[in-house]
């Protein structure tokens, strides 16, 4: 475990405080705008509640990611890295390029990993700051000129994306049954049995939620269907991994 100095914790606290202040600022601004347009208070409360629920599930892999990264980067740096923006799979790739299993972390190695992670993730915010408004205007112009074409393009993009992810998932699962593969960039082992079990269980849980919503009129379940599906599939996949090992 690498040492986490006090100054790094202070920096992490400052960043966390900035995130909280920005969140409160936009909540206040949104509430003010909602009152101006006469939005029903019940809708506002429902929106806030749903947002809070949907923020819980994405937080689970972030906590797991902090636990993984802190073995090499220390708690403070891992906390700073994942408390704003980022994706665990990319952080692990960057970390594995610097560290080897069992290797003692050095100050230069930690600095290199942190710079790679930080500089790479800045591309998204920089693109939005410099080009997003122009990009949005072009989309609005295209939408106004040919709304039907936009619908076709959006549907084709989403369909292609979903098909690619689904085919990759199924192919990986089918061809790694009994022969787990270890990714060179992340060092993570993939078991076909676990992949397929997780996929099928998530489909079944979501189908069950849909049945309860439609047939039994459990409308309250609409806000919880996705979080329950993700958490349920994660629990089942954990049991599957434990049984294989």
C-alpha atoms as a PDB file:
ATOM      1  CA  UNK A   1       0.000   0.000   0.000  1.00  0.00           C
ATOM      2  CA  UNK A   2       1.437   3.380  -0.953  1.00  0.00           C
ATOM      3  CA  UNK A   3       1.405   6.266   1.483  1.00  0.00           C
ATOM      4  CA  UNK A   4      -1.328   8.867   1.151  1.00  0.00           C
ATOM      5  CA  UNK A   5      -0.068  12.243   2.327  1.00  0.00           C
ATOM      6  CA  UNK A   6      -2.241  14.774   4.145  1.00  0.00           C
ATOM      7  CA  UNK A   7      -2.052  17.295   1.290  1.00  0.00           C
ATOM      8  CA  UNK A   8      -3.576  14.742  -1.094  1.00  0.00           C
ATOM      9  CA  UNK A   9      -6.533  14.234   1.254  1.00  0.00           C
ATOM     10  CA  UNK A  10      -6.932  18.013   1.450  1.00  0.00           C
ATOM     11  CA  UNK A  11      -6.978  18.248  -2.363  1.00  0.00           C
ATOM     12  CA  UNK A  12      -9.549  15.457  -2.490  1.00  0.00           C
ATOM     13  CA  UNK A  13     -11.709  17.287   0.040  1.00  0.00           C
ATOM     14  CA  UNK A  14     -11.516  20.517  -1.965  1.00  0.00           C
ATOM     15  CA  UNK A  15     -12.545  18.713  -5.159  1.00  0.00           C
ATOM     16  CA  UNK A  16     -15.424  16.960  -3.372  1.00  0.00           C
ATOM     17  CA  UNK A  17     -16.568  20.303  -1.940  1.00  0.00           C
ATOM     18  CA  UNK A  18     -16.536  21.878  -5.411  1.00  0.00           C
ATOM     19  CA  UNK A  19     -18.654  19.013  -6.766  1.00  0.00           C
ATOM     20  CA  UNK A  20     -21.179  19.437  -3.928  1.00  0.00           C
ATOM     21  CA  UNK A  21     -21.337  23.218  -4.400  1.00  0.00           C
ATOM     22  CA  UNK A  22     -21.908  22.828  -8.149  1.00  0.00           C
ATOM     23  CA  UNK A  23     -24.626  20.230  -7.525  1.00  0.00           C
ATOM     24  CA  UNK A  24     -26.433  22.471  -5.030  1.00  0.00           C
ATOM     25  CA  UNK A  25     -26.101  25.441  -7.400  1.00  0.00           C
ATOM     26  CA  UNK A  26     -27.750  23.617 -10.301  1.00  0.00           C
ATOM     27  CA  UNK A  27     -30.425  22.092  -8.042  1.00  0.00           C
ATOM     28  CA  UNK A  28     -31.355  25.576  -6.841  1.00  0.00           C
ATOM     29  CA  UNK A  29     -31.308  26.936 -10.392  1.00  0.00           C
ATOM     30  CA  UNK A  30     -33.465  24.061 -11.667  1.00  0.00           C
ATOM     31  CA  UNK A  31     -35.983  24.481  -8.833  1.00  0.00           C
ATOM     32  CA  UNK A  32     -36.242  28.190  -9.596  1.00  0.00           C
ATOM     33  CA  UNK A  33     -36.825  27.519 -13.293  1.00  0.00           C
ATOM     34  CA  UNK A  34     -39.406  24.826 -12.504  1.00  0.00           C
ATOM     35  CA  UNK A  35     -41.391  27.316 -10.418  1.00  0.00           C
ATOM     36  CA  UNK A  36     -41.174  29.930 -13.187  1.00  0.00           C
ATOM     37  CA  UNK A  37     -42.777  27.591 -15.740  1.00  0.00           C
ATOM     38  CA  UNK A  38     -45.366  26.385 -13.223  1.00  0.00           C
ATOM     39  CA  UNK A  39     -44.217  22.776 -12.978  1.00  0.00           C
ATOM     40  CA  UNK A  40     -46.214  20.639 -10.576  1.00  0.00           C
ATOM     41  CA  UNK A  41     -44.468  20.155  -7.224  1.00  0.00           C
ATOM     42  CA  UNK A  42     -45.233  16.424  -7.298  1.00  0.00           C
ATOM     43  CA  UNK A  43     -43.334  16.072 -10.593  1.00  0.00           C
ATOM     44  CA  UNK A  44     -40.352  17.924  -9.124  1.00  0.00           C
ATOM     45  CA  UNK A  45     -40.258  15.620  -6.093  1.00  0.00           C
ATOM     46  CA  UNK A  46     -40.591  12.533  -8.303  1.00  0.00           C
ATOM     47  CA  UNK A  47     -37.738  13.721 -10.521  1.00  0.00           C
ATOM     48  CA  UNK A  48     -35.455  14.348  -7.541  1.00  0.00           C
ATOM     49  CA  UNK A  49     -36.324  10.964  -6.039  1.00  0.00           C
ATOM     50  CA  UNK A  50     -35.687   9.105  -9.304  1.00  0.00           C
ATOM     51  CA  UNK A  51     -32.374  10.908  -9.817  1.00  0.00           C
ATOM     52  CA  UNK A  52     -31.275   9.947  -6.309  1.00  0.00           C
ATOM     53  CA  UNK A  53     -32.205   6.301  -6.905  1.00  0.00           C
ATOM     54  CA  UNK A  54     -30.412   6.115 -10.251  1.00  0.00           C
ATOM     55  CA  UNK A  55     -27.274   7.651  -8.733  1.00  0.00           C
ATOM     56  CA  UNK A  56     -26.910   4.800  -6.218  1.00  0.00           C
ATOM     57  CA  UNK A  57     -26.297   1.950  -8.669  1.00  0.00           C
ATOM     58  CA  UNK A  58     -23.506   3.685 -10.674  1.00  0.00           C
ATOM     59  CA  UNK A  59     -21.798   4.417  -7.353  1.00  0.00           C
ATOM     60  CA  UNK A  60     -21.276   0.698  -6.652  1.00  0.00           C
ATOM     61  CA  UNK A  61     -18.577   0.109  -9.319  1.00  0.00           C
ATOM     62  CA  UNK A  62     -16.953   3.405  -8.296  1.00  0.00           C
ATOM     63  CA  UNK A  63     -16.513   2.127  -4.737  1.00  0.00           C
ATOM     64  CA  UNK A  64     -15.143  -1.142  -6.129  1.00  0.00           C
ATOM     65  CA  UNK A  65     -12.795   0.866  -8.351  1.00  0.00           C
ATOM     66  CA  UNK A  66     -11.442   2.824  -5.395  1.00  0.00           C
ATOM     67  CA  UNK A  67     -10.707  -0.479  -3.663  1.00  0.00           C
ATOM     68  CA  UNK A  68      -8.815  -1.751  -6.715  1.00  0.00           C
ATOM     69  CA  UNK A  69      -6.828   1.410  -7.439  1.00  0.00           C
ATOM     70  CA  UNK A  70      -5.880   2.111  -3.822  1.00  0.00           C
ATOM     71  CA  UNK A  71      -3.647  -0.985  -3.810  1.00  0.00           C
ATOM     72  CA  UNK A  72      -1.291   0.885  -6.132  1.00  0.00           C
ATOM     73  CA  UNK A  73      -2.170   4.578  -5.910  1.00  0.00           C
ATOM     74  CA  UNK A  74      -3.230   4.854  -2.279  1.00  0.00           C
ATOM     75  CA  UNK A  75      -6.681   5.744  -0.982  1.00  0.00           C
ATOM     76  CA  UNK A  76      -6.462   9.504  -1.490  1.00  0.00           C
ATOM     77  CA  UNK A  77      -5.386   9.465  -5.154  1.00  0.00           C
ATOM     78  CA  UNK A  78      -7.887   6.727  -6.051  1.00  0.00           C
ATOM     79  CA  UNK A  79     -10.615   8.737  -4.335  1.00  0.00           C
ATOM     80  CA  UNK A  80      -9.672  11.923  -6.198  1.00  0.00           C
ATOM     81  CA  UNK A  81      -9.484  10.095  -9.527  1.00  0.00           C
ATOM     82  CA  UNK A  82     -12.946   8.516  -9.359  1.00  0.00           C
ATOM     83  CA  UNK A  83     -14.936  11.190  -7.525  1.00  0.00           C
ATOM     84  CA  UNK A  84     -15.399  13.426 -10.580  1.00  0.00           C
ATOM     85  CA  UNK A  85     -15.399  11.794 -14.034  1.00  0.00           C
ATOM     86  CA  UNK A  86     -13.828   8.659 -15.416  1.00  0.00           C
ATOM     87  CA  UNK A  87     -14.423   4.995 -16.135  1.00  0.00           C
ATOM     88  CA  UNK A  88     -12.977   2.176 -14.071  1.00  0.00           C
ATOM     89  CA  UNK A  89     -11.996   0.010 -17.049  1.00  0.00           C
ATOM     90  CA  UNK A  90      -9.842   2.784 -18.512  1.00  0.00           C
ATOM     91  CA  UNK A  91      -8.250   3.616 -15.167  1.00  0.00           C
ATOM     92  CA  UNK A  92      -7.280  -0.046 -14.700  1.00  0.00           C
ATOM     93  CA  UNK A  93      -5.758  -0.135 -18.189  1.00  0.00           C
ATOM     94  CA  UNK A  94      -3.652   2.942 -17.418  1.00  0.00           C
ATOM     95  CA  UNK A  95      -2.625   1.510 -14.059  1.00  0.00           C
ATOM     96  CA  UNK A  96      -1.618  -1.852 -15.516  1.00  0.00           C
ATOM     97  CA  UNK A  97       0.598  -0.134 -18.077  1.00  0.00           C
ATOM     98  CA  UNK A  98       2.624   1.304 -15.203  1.00  0.00           C
ATOM     99  CA  UNK A  99       2.497  -1.363 -12.495  1.00  0.00           C
ATOM    100  CA  UNK A 100       3.096  -5.097 -12.515  1.00  0.00           C
ATOM    101  CA  UNK A 101       1.386  -7.463 -10.037  1.00  0.00           C
ATOM    102  CA  UNK A 102       3.214  -7.397  -6.708  1.00  0.00           C
ATOM    103  CA  UNK A 103       5.415  -4.479  -7.761  1.00  0.00           C
ATOM    104  CA  UNK A 104       6.202  -1.809  -5.171  1.00  0.00           C
ATOM    105  CA  UNK A 105       4.865   1.552  -6.276  1.00  0.00           C
ATOM    106  CA  UNK A 106       7.329   4.406  -6.662  1.00  0.00           C
ATOM    107  CA  UNK A 107       6.604   8.131  -6.647  1.00  0.00           C
ATOM    108  CA  UNK A 108       7.448   8.473 -10.360  1.00  0.00           C
ATOM    109  CA  UNK A 109       5.222   5.511 -11.304  1.00  0.00           C
ATOM    110  CA  UNK A 110       2.293   6.926  -9.338  1.00  0.00           C
ATOM    111  CA  UNK A 111       2.792  10.369 -10.903  1.00  0.00           C
ATOM    112  CA  UNK A 112       2.952   8.830 -14.397  1.00  0.00           C
ATOM    113  CA  UNK A 113      -0.264   6.847 -13.882  1.00  0.00           C
ATOM    114  CA  UNK A 114      -2.066   9.886 -12.469  1.00  0.00           C
ATOM    115  CA  UNK A 115      -0.967  12.157 -15.336  1.00  0.00           C
ATOM    116  CA  UNK A 116      -2.047   9.585 -17.953  1.00  0.00           C
ATOM    117  CA  UNK A 117      -5.472   9.203 -16.333  1.00  0.00           C
ATOM    118  CA  UNK A 118      -6.009  12.949 -15.846  1.00  0.00           C
ATOM    119  CA  UNK A 119      -4.789  14.218 -19.225  1.00  0.00           C
ATOM    120  CA  UNK A 120      -6.741  11.546 -21.117  1.00  0.00           C
ATOM    121  CA  UNK A 121     -10.041  12.241 -19.364  1.00  0.00           C
ATOM    122  CA  UNK A 122      -9.733  15.994 -20.013  1.00  0.00           C
ATOM    123  CA  UNK A 123     -10.520  15.446 -23.705  1.00  0.00           C
ATOM    124  CA  UNK A 124     -14.259  15.155 -23.012  1.00  0.00           C
ATOM    125  CA  UNK A 125     -14.712  18.392 -21.036  1.00  0.00           C
ATOM    126  CA  UNK A 126     -12.424  20.285 -23.427  1.00  0.00           C
ATOM    127  CA  UNK A 127     -14.429  19.105 -26.441  1.00  0.00           C
ATOM    128  CA  UNK A 128     -17.680  20.165 -24.775  1.00  0.00           C
ATOM    129  CA  UNK A 129     -16.280  23.558 -23.800  1.00  0.00           C
ATOM    130  CA  UNK A 130     -14.899  24.332 -27.269  1.00  0.00           C
ATOM    131  CA  UNK A 131     -17.158  22.567 -29.757  1.00  0.00           C
ATOM    132  CA  UNK A 132     -20.377  21.310 -28.128  1.00  0.00           C
ATOM    133  CA  UNK A 133     -22.421  24.472 -28.689  1.00  0.00           C
ATOM    134  CA  UNK A 134     -21.547  24.480 -32.399  1.00  0.00           C
ATOM    135  CA  UNK A 135     -22.236  20.734 -32.594  1.00  0.00           C
ATOM    136  CA  UNK A 136     -25.614  21.220 -30.912  1.00  0.00           C
ATOM    137  CA  UNK A 137     -26.520  24.029 -33.314  1.00  0.00           C
ATOM    138  CA  UNK A 138     -25.712  21.826 -36.319  1.00  0.00           C
ATOM    139  CA  UNK A 139     -27.902  19.061 -34.923  1.00  0.00           C
ATOM    140  CA  UNK A 140     -30.754  21.513 -34.326  1.00  0.00           C
ATOM    141  CA  UNK A 141     -30.438  22.787 -37.910  1.00  0.00           C
ATOM    142  CA  UNK A 142     -30.494  19.259 -39.297  1.00  0.00           C
ATOM    143  CA  UNK A 143     -33.477  18.418 -37.096  1.00  0.00           C
ATOM    144  CA  UNK A 144     -35.375  21.447 -38.389  1.00  0.00           C
ATOM    145  CA  UNK A 145     -34.588  20.672 -42.042  1.00  0.00           C
ATOM    146  CA  UNK A 146     -35.156  16.918 -41.991  1.00  0.00           C
ATOM    147  CA  UNK A 147     -36.598  15.502 -38.782  1.00  0.00           C
ATOM    148  CA  UNK A 148     -37.344  12.153 -40.444  1.00  0.00           C
ATOM    149  CA  UNK A 149     -33.700  11.692 -41.469  1.00  0.00           C
ATOM    150  CA  UNK A 150     -32.582  12.478 -37.916  1.00  0.00           C
ATOM    151  CA  UNK A 151     -34.913   9.811 -36.542  1.00  0.00           C
ATOM    152  CA  UNK A 152     -33.535   7.252 -38.998  1.00  0.00           C
ATOM    153  CA  UNK A 153     -29.924   8.167 -38.200  1.00  0.00           C
ATOM    154  CA  UNK A 154     -30.509   8.067 -34.442  1.00  0.00           C
ATOM    155  CA  UNK A 155     -32.311   4.742 -34.661  1.00  0.00           C
ATOM    156  CA  UNK A 156     -29.601   3.262 -36.885  1.00  0.00           C
ATOM    157  CA  UNK A 157     -26.827   4.431 -34.547  1.00  0.00           C
ATOM    158  CA  UNK A 158     -28.550   3.073 -31.445  1.00  0.00           C
ATOM    159  CA  UNK A 159     -29.422  -0.187 -33.210  1.00  0.00           C
ATOM    160  CA  UNK A 160     -25.861  -0.646 -34.435  1.00  0.00           C
ATOM    161  CA  UNK A 161     -24.424   0.159 -31.024  1.00  0.00           C
ATOM    162  CA  UNK A 162     -26.774  -2.235 -29.247  1.00  0.00           C
ATOM    163  CA  UNK A 163     -26.170  -4.995 -31.808  1.00  0.00           C
ATOM    164  CA  UNK A 164     -22.396  -4.630 -31.492  1.00  0.00           C
ATOM    165  CA  UNK A 165     -22.461  -4.766 -27.700  1.00  0.00           C
ATOM    166  CA  UNK A 166     -24.891  -7.691 -27.632  1.00  0.00           C
ATOM    167  CA  UNK A 167     -23.030  -9.752 -30.235  1.00  0.00           C
ATOM    168  CA  UNK A 168     -19.701  -9.122 -28.493  1.00  0.00           C
ATOM    169  CA  UNK A 169     -21.206 -10.112 -25.148  1.00  0.00           C
ATOM    170  CA  UNK A 170     -22.754 -13.329 -26.444  1.00  0.00           C
ATOM    171  CA  UNK A 171     -19.720 -14.320 -28.510  1.00  0.00           C
ATOM    172  CA  UNK A 172     -17.365 -13.712 -25.593  1.00  0.00           C
ATOM    173  CA  UNK A 173     -19.601 -15.716 -23.298  1.00  0.00           C
ATOM    174  CA  UNK A 174     -20.080 -18.653 -25.654  1.00  0.00           C
ATOM    175  CA  UNK A 175     -16.437 -19.022 -26.663  1.00  0.00           C
ATOM    176  CA  UNK A 176     -14.978 -18.730 -23.161  1.00  0.00           C
ATOM    177  CA  UNK A 177     -17.085 -21.390 -21.435  1.00  0.00           C
ATOM    178  CA  UNK A 178     -14.653 -23.629 -19.596  1.00  0.00           C
ATOM    179  CA  UNK A 179     -11.720 -21.582 -20.922  1.00  0.00           C
ATOM    180  CA  UNK A 180     -11.493 -18.236 -19.093  1.00  0.00           C
ATOM    181  CA  UNK A 181      -9.535 -15.526 -20.868  1.00  0.00           C
ATOM    182  CA  UNK A 182      -7.392 -12.887 -19.169  1.00  0.00           C
ATOM    183  CA  UNK A 183      -7.302  -9.432 -20.772  1.00  0.00           C
ATOM    184  CA  UNK A 184      -3.754  -8.209 -21.345  1.00  0.00           C
ATOM    185  CA  UNK A 185      -4.618  -4.563 -20.733  1.00  0.00           C
ATOM    186  CA  UNK A 186      -6.612  -5.003 -17.501  1.00  0.00           C
ATOM    187  CA  UNK A 187      -5.554  -8.405 -16.180  1.00  0.00           C
ATOM    188  CA  UNK A 188      -9.230  -9.261 -15.582  1.00  0.00           C
ATOM    189  CA  UNK A 189     -10.292 -12.881 -16.181  1.00  0.00           C
ATOM    190  CA  UNK A 190     -13.520 -13.404 -18.140  1.00  0.00           C
ATOM    191  CA  UNK A 191     -15.565 -16.546 -17.559  1.00  0.00           C
ATOM    192  CA  UNK A 192     -18.094 -17.417 -20.238  1.00  0.00           C
ATOM    193  CA  UNK A 193     -20.380 -19.037 -17.694  1.00  0.00           C
ATOM    194  CA  UNK A 194     -20.456 -15.865 -15.598  1.00  0.00           C
ATOM    195  CA  UNK A 195     -20.995 -13.607 -18.628  1.00  0.00           C
ATOM    196  CA  UNK A 196     -23.974 -15.603 -19.887  1.00  0.00           C
ATOM    197  CA  UNK A 197     -25.416 -16.094 -16.397  1.00  0.00           C
ATOM    198  CA  UNK A 198     -25.266 -12.354 -15.727  1.00  0.00           C
ATOM    199  CA  UNK A 199     -26.824 -11.523 -19.094  1.00  0.00           C
ATOM    200  CA  UNK A 200     -29.668 -14.030 -18.780  1.00  0.00           C
ATOM    201  CA  UNK A 201     -30.395 -13.169 -15.151  1.00  0.00           C
ATOM    202  CA  UNK A 202     -30.625  -9.455 -15.956  1.00  0.00           C
ATOM    203  CA  UNK A 203     -33.049 -10.214 -18.806  1.00  0.00           C
ATOM    204  CA  UNK A 204     -35.203 -12.360 -16.510  1.00  0.00           C
ATOM    205  CA  UNK A 205     -35.249  -9.798 -13.697  1.00  0.00           C
ATOM    206  CA  UNK A 206     -36.210  -6.989 -16.081  1.00  0.00           C
ATOM    207  CA  UNK A 207     -38.892  -9.200 -17.669  1.00  0.00           C
ATOM    208  CA  UNK A 208     -40.281  -9.954 -14.204  1.00  0.00           C
ATOM    209  CA  UNK A 209     -40.379  -6.246 -13.382  1.00  0.00           C
ATOM    210  CA  UNK A 210     -42.173  -5.569 -16.669  1.00  0.00           C
ATOM    211  CA  UNK A 211     -44.720  -8.292 -15.885  1.00  0.00           C
ATOM    212  CA  UNK A 212     -45.416  -6.874 -12.421  1.00  0.00           C
ATOM    213  CA  UNK A 213     -45.774  -3.351 -13.807  1.00  0.00           C
ATOM    214  CA  UNK A 214     -48.116  -4.369 -16.625  1.00  0.00           C
ATOM    215  CA  UNK A 215     -50.182  -7.181 -15.148  1.00  0.00           C
ATOM    216  CA  UNK A 216     -50.341  -6.144 -11.485  1.00  0.00           C
ATOM    217  CA  UNK A 217     -50.206  -2.404 -12.193  1.00  0.00           C
ATOM    218  CA  UNK A 218     -47.201  -1.855  -9.917  1.00  0.00           C
ATOM    219  CA  UNK A 219     -46.428   1.568 -11.368  1.00  0.00           C
ATOM    220  CA  UNK A 220     -44.109   2.417  -8.472  1.00  0.00           C
ATOM    221  CA  UNK A 221     -41.757  -0.299  -9.731  1.00  0.00           C
ATOM    222  CA  UNK A 222     -40.982   1.672 -12.918  1.00  0.00           C
ATOM    223  CA  UNK A 223     -38.483   3.844 -11.027  1.00  0.00           C
ATOM    224  CA  UNK A 224     -36.783   0.849  -9.425  1.00  0.00           C
ATOM    225  CA  UNK A 225     -36.737  -1.682 -12.291  1.00  0.00           C
ATOM    226  CA  UNK A 226     -33.294  -0.766 -13.660  1.00  0.00           C
ATOM    227  CA  UNK A 227     -31.521  -0.475 -10.274  1.00  0.00           C
ATOM    228  CA  UNK A 228     -33.060  -3.759  -9.104  1.00  0.00           C
ATOM    229  CA  UNK A 229     -32.020  -5.458 -12.342  1.00  0.00           C
ATOM    230  CA  UNK A 230     -28.419  -4.269 -12.084  1.00  0.00           C
ATOM    231  CA  UNK A 231     -28.078  -5.123  -8.389  1.00  0.00           C
ATOM    232  CA  UNK A 232     -29.770  -8.502  -8.848  1.00  0.00           C
ATOM    233  CA  UNK A 233     -27.554  -9.422 -11.813  1.00  0.00           C
ATOM    234  CA  UNK A 234     -24.449  -8.338  -9.876  1.00  0.00           C
ATOM    235  CA  UNK A 235     -25.407 -10.549  -6.929  1.00  0.00           C
ATOM    236  CA  UNK A 236     -26.070 -13.530  -9.187  1.00  0.00           C
ATOM    237  CA  UNK A 237     -22.775 -13.010 -11.040  1.00  0.00           C
ATOM    238  CA  UNK A 238     -20.934 -12.879  -7.698  1.00  0.00           C
ATOM    239  CA  UNK A 239     -22.464 -16.224  -6.730  1.00  0.00           C
ATOM    240  CA  UNK A 240     -21.538 -17.618 -10.156  1.00  0.00           C
ATOM    241  CA  UNK A 241     -17.897 -16.512  -9.797  1.00  0.00           C
ATOM    242  CA  UNK A 242     -17.712 -17.986  -6.294  1.00  0.00           C
ATOM    243  CA  UNK A 243     -19.091 -21.324  -7.479  1.00  0.00           C
ATOM    244  CA  UNK A 244     -16.607 -21.523 -10.376  1.00  0.00           C
ATOM    245  CA  UNK A 245     -13.592 -20.719  -8.237  1.00  0.00           C
END
